[in-house]
Protein backbone atom coordinates (compact mmCIF):
# COMPACT_ATOMS: atom_id res chain seq x y z
CA UNK A 1 -11.07 -21.04 70.39
CA UNK A 2 -14.62 -19.74 70.25
CA UNK A 3 -17.32 -20.83 67.88
CA UNK A 4 -17.39 -17.49 66.05
CA UNK A 5 -13.62 -17.63 65.58
CA UNK A 6 -13.72 -21.15 64.11
CA UNK A 7 -16.65 -20.15 61.85
CA UNK A 8 -14.64 -17.19 60.54
CA UNK A 9 -11.65 -19.44 59.74
CA UNK A 10 -13.96 -21.94 58.00
CA UNK A 11 -15.50 -19.16 55.91
CA UNK A 12 -12.10 -17.75 54.95
CA UNK A 13 -10.91 -21.15 53.75
CA UNK A 14 -14.01 -21.58 51.61
CA UNK A 15 -13.59 -18.16 49.97
CA UNK A 16 -9.98 -18.65 48.94
CA UNK A 17 -10.76 -20.88 45.92
CA UNK A 18 -13.50 -18.47 44.82
CA UNK A 19 -11.19 -15.45 45.00
CA UNK A 20 -8.53 -17.32 43.03
CA UNK A 21 -11.17 -18.20 40.43
CA UNK A 22 -12.31 -14.58 40.26
CA UNK A 23 -8.72 -13.41 39.84
CA UNK A 24 -8.10 -15.91 37.03
CA UNK A 25 -11.33 -14.89 35.29
CA UNK A 26 -10.39 -11.23 35.59
CA UNK A 27 -7.00 -11.85 34.04
CA UNK A 28 -8.53 -13.85 31.22
CA UNK A 29 -11.20 -11.27 30.45
CA UNK A 30 -8.69 -8.45 30.77
CA UNK A 31 -6.61 -9.90 27.96
CA UNK A 32 -9.55 -10.20 25.55
CA UNK A 33 -9.62 -6.54 24.42
CA UNK A 34 -5.92 -6.74 23.55
CA UNK A 35 -6.55 -9.84 21.46
CA UNK A 36 -9.58 -8.27 19.80
CA UNK A 37 -7.56 -5.23 18.75
CA UNK A 38 -5.05 -7.40 16.93
CA UNK A 39 -7.75 -9.16 14.86
CA UNK A 40 -8.47 -7.92 11.36
CA UNK A 41 -11.95 -6.49 11.05
CA UNK A 42 -13.98 -7.95 8.18
CA UNK A 43 -15.43 -5.15 6.06
CA UNK A 44 -18.17 -5.87 3.51
CA UNK A 45 -17.01 -5.96 -0.12
CA UNK A 46 -19.40 -3.16 -1.06
CA UNK A 47 -18.12 -0.80 1.68
CA UNK A 48 -16.67 2.44 0.33
CA UNK A 49 -13.76 4.56 1.59
CA UNK A 50 -14.05 8.23 2.44
CA UNK A 51 -13.25 11.07 4.79
CA UNK A 52 -16.11 11.88 7.15
CA UNK A 53 -16.68 15.08 9.09
CA UNK A 54 -19.89 15.41 11.06
CA UNK A 55 -21.26 18.97 10.89
CA UNK A 56 -24.60 18.79 12.72
CA UNK A 57 -25.75 15.23 13.42
CA UNK A 58 -27.24 13.49 11.49
CA UNK A 59 -25.70 15.67 8.75
CA UNK A 60 -22.07 15.61 7.74
CA UNK A 61 -19.61 15.89 4.87
CA UNK A 62 -18.12 12.91 3.09
CA UNK A 63 -15.42 13.78 0.53
CA UNK A 64 -16.79 17.32 -0.03
CA UNK A 65 -20.38 16.04 -0.39
CA UNK A 66 -23.23 16.69 2.01
CA UNK A 67 -24.43 13.39 3.49
CA UNK A 68 -26.96 12.26 6.04
CA UNK A 69 -26.82 9.35 8.45
CA UNK A 70 -29.76 7.01 8.15
CA UNK A 71 -31.99 6.47 11.20
CA UNK A 72 -30.27 3.82 13.29
CA UNK A 73 -26.88 4.33 11.66
CA UNK A 74 -23.95 2.88 13.59
CA UNK A 75 -20.49 4.39 13.87
CA UNK A 76 -17.78 2.02 15.08
CA UNK A 77 -14.48 3.41 16.33
CA UNK A 78 -11.09 1.95 15.45
CA UNK A 79 -11.43 -0.51 18.36
CA UNK A 80 -15.05 -1.48 17.47
CA UNK A 81 -16.84 0.53 20.14
CA UNK A 82 -20.03 2.35 19.16
CA UNK A 83 -19.68 6.13 18.94
CA UNK A 84 -22.33 8.79 18.92
CA UNK A 85 -22.30 11.06 15.84
CA UNK A 86 -21.99 14.15 18.07
CA UNK A 87 -18.56 12.97 19.26
CA UNK A 88 -17.22 13.43 15.71
CA UNK A 89 -18.39 17.01 15.17
CA UNK A 90 -15.54 19.05 13.72
CA UNK A 91 -13.21 16.03 13.36
CA UNK A 92 -12.11 14.58 10.02
CA UNK A 93 -11.72 10.81 10.10
CA UNK A 94 -10.92 8.25 7.39
CA UNK A 95 -13.68 5.66 7.29
CA UNK A 96 -15.18 2.74 5.44
CA UNK A 97 -18.93 3.13 5.08
CA UNK A 98 -22.04 1.53 3.63
CA UNK A 99 -24.88 3.37 1.99
CA UNK A 100 -28.53 2.29 2.16
CA UNK A 101 -31.08 2.38 -0.68
CA UNK A 102 -31.89 6.05 -0.07
CA UNK A 103 -28.26 7.12 -0.35
CA UNK A 104 -27.94 7.71 3.40
CA UNK A 105 -24.99 6.39 5.36
CA UNK A 106 -26.00 3.24 7.19
CA UNK A 107 -22.75 1.93 8.74
CA UNK A 108 -19.41 3.62 9.44
CA UNK A 109 -16.09 2.09 10.52
CA UNK A 110 -13.34 4.48 11.64
CA UNK A 111 -10.07 3.03 10.36
CA UNK A 112 -6.79 2.27 12.07
CA UNK A 113 -3.54 3.32 10.32
CA UNK A 114 -3.04 -0.29 9.12
CA UNK A 115 -6.56 -0.44 7.66
CA UNK A 116 -6.04 2.87 5.84
CA UNK A 117 -3.23 1.29 3.81
CA UNK A 118 -5.63 -1.16 2.16
CA UNK A 119 -6.96 -0.06 -1.21
CA UNK A 120 -10.73 0.34 -1.43
CA UNK A 121 -13.17 1.80 -3.90
CA UNK A 122 -14.35 5.33 -3.17
CA UNK A 123 -16.89 7.70 -4.62
CA UNK A 124 -14.31 10.43 -4.12
CA UNK A 125 -14.40 13.88 -5.58
CA UNK A 126 -14.04 14.37 -9.32
CA UNK A 127 -13.62 17.82 -10.77
CA UNK A 128 -13.40 18.90 -14.35
CA UNK A 129 -11.53 22.07 -13.45
CA UNK A 130 -8.28 23.00 -11.75
CA UNK A 131 -7.74 26.17 -9.77
CA UNK A 132 -4.41 27.93 -10.15
CA UNK A 133 -3.87 27.48 -6.42
CA UNK A 134 -4.08 23.69 -6.91
CA UNK A 135 -1.14 23.60 -9.34
CA UNK A 136 2.08 22.82 -7.51
CA UNK A 137 4.74 25.49 -7.81
CA UNK A 138 8.05 24.42 -9.29
CA UNK A 139 11.00 24.16 -6.94
CA UNK A 140 13.23 27.22 -7.55
CA UNK A 141 16.31 25.14 -6.72
CA UNK A 142 15.46 22.72 -9.52
CA UNK A 143 15.30 25.44 -12.20
CA UNK A 144 18.38 25.68 -14.38
CA UNK A 145 18.43 28.34 -17.09
CA UNK A 146 19.17 27.06 -20.57
CA UNK A 147 22.78 27.29 -21.67
CA UNK A 148 23.30 29.45 -24.76
CA UNK A 149 25.84 28.22 -27.27
CA UNK A 150 28.97 30.32 -27.47
CA UNK A 151 29.05 32.73 -30.43
CA UNK A 152 32.05 32.39 -32.77
């Protein structure tokens, strides 16, 4: 056996524990995102609920109102990754959001289907009128003409 051959074997034996450690660390870190997705995200009590559609960042529509994102606003996806406002252009998403002192949107959380089920205060849209197109049409199968009493 040559010296270079015995040095190679020595080096291989030293690297085995390190590679096993790296593999274990990789498996541990790989399972963290799955655990993080199952955790419930804590939303502030003053966060509101709405439907956001970005039109031209930083401008968008929240529940039929024109809104603006504040400078430095953060948008978090349903798995808590930061999104750019331009990635939401033309998409309608249900969100929880916080408003700063100027009325601009400061923080946005895109909701998962489970989070959407929770009740939360919203500014919403209130109208004091109803269009005829908004009135639901009666089901024609449910209509039964009145029965006339038989004439004697």
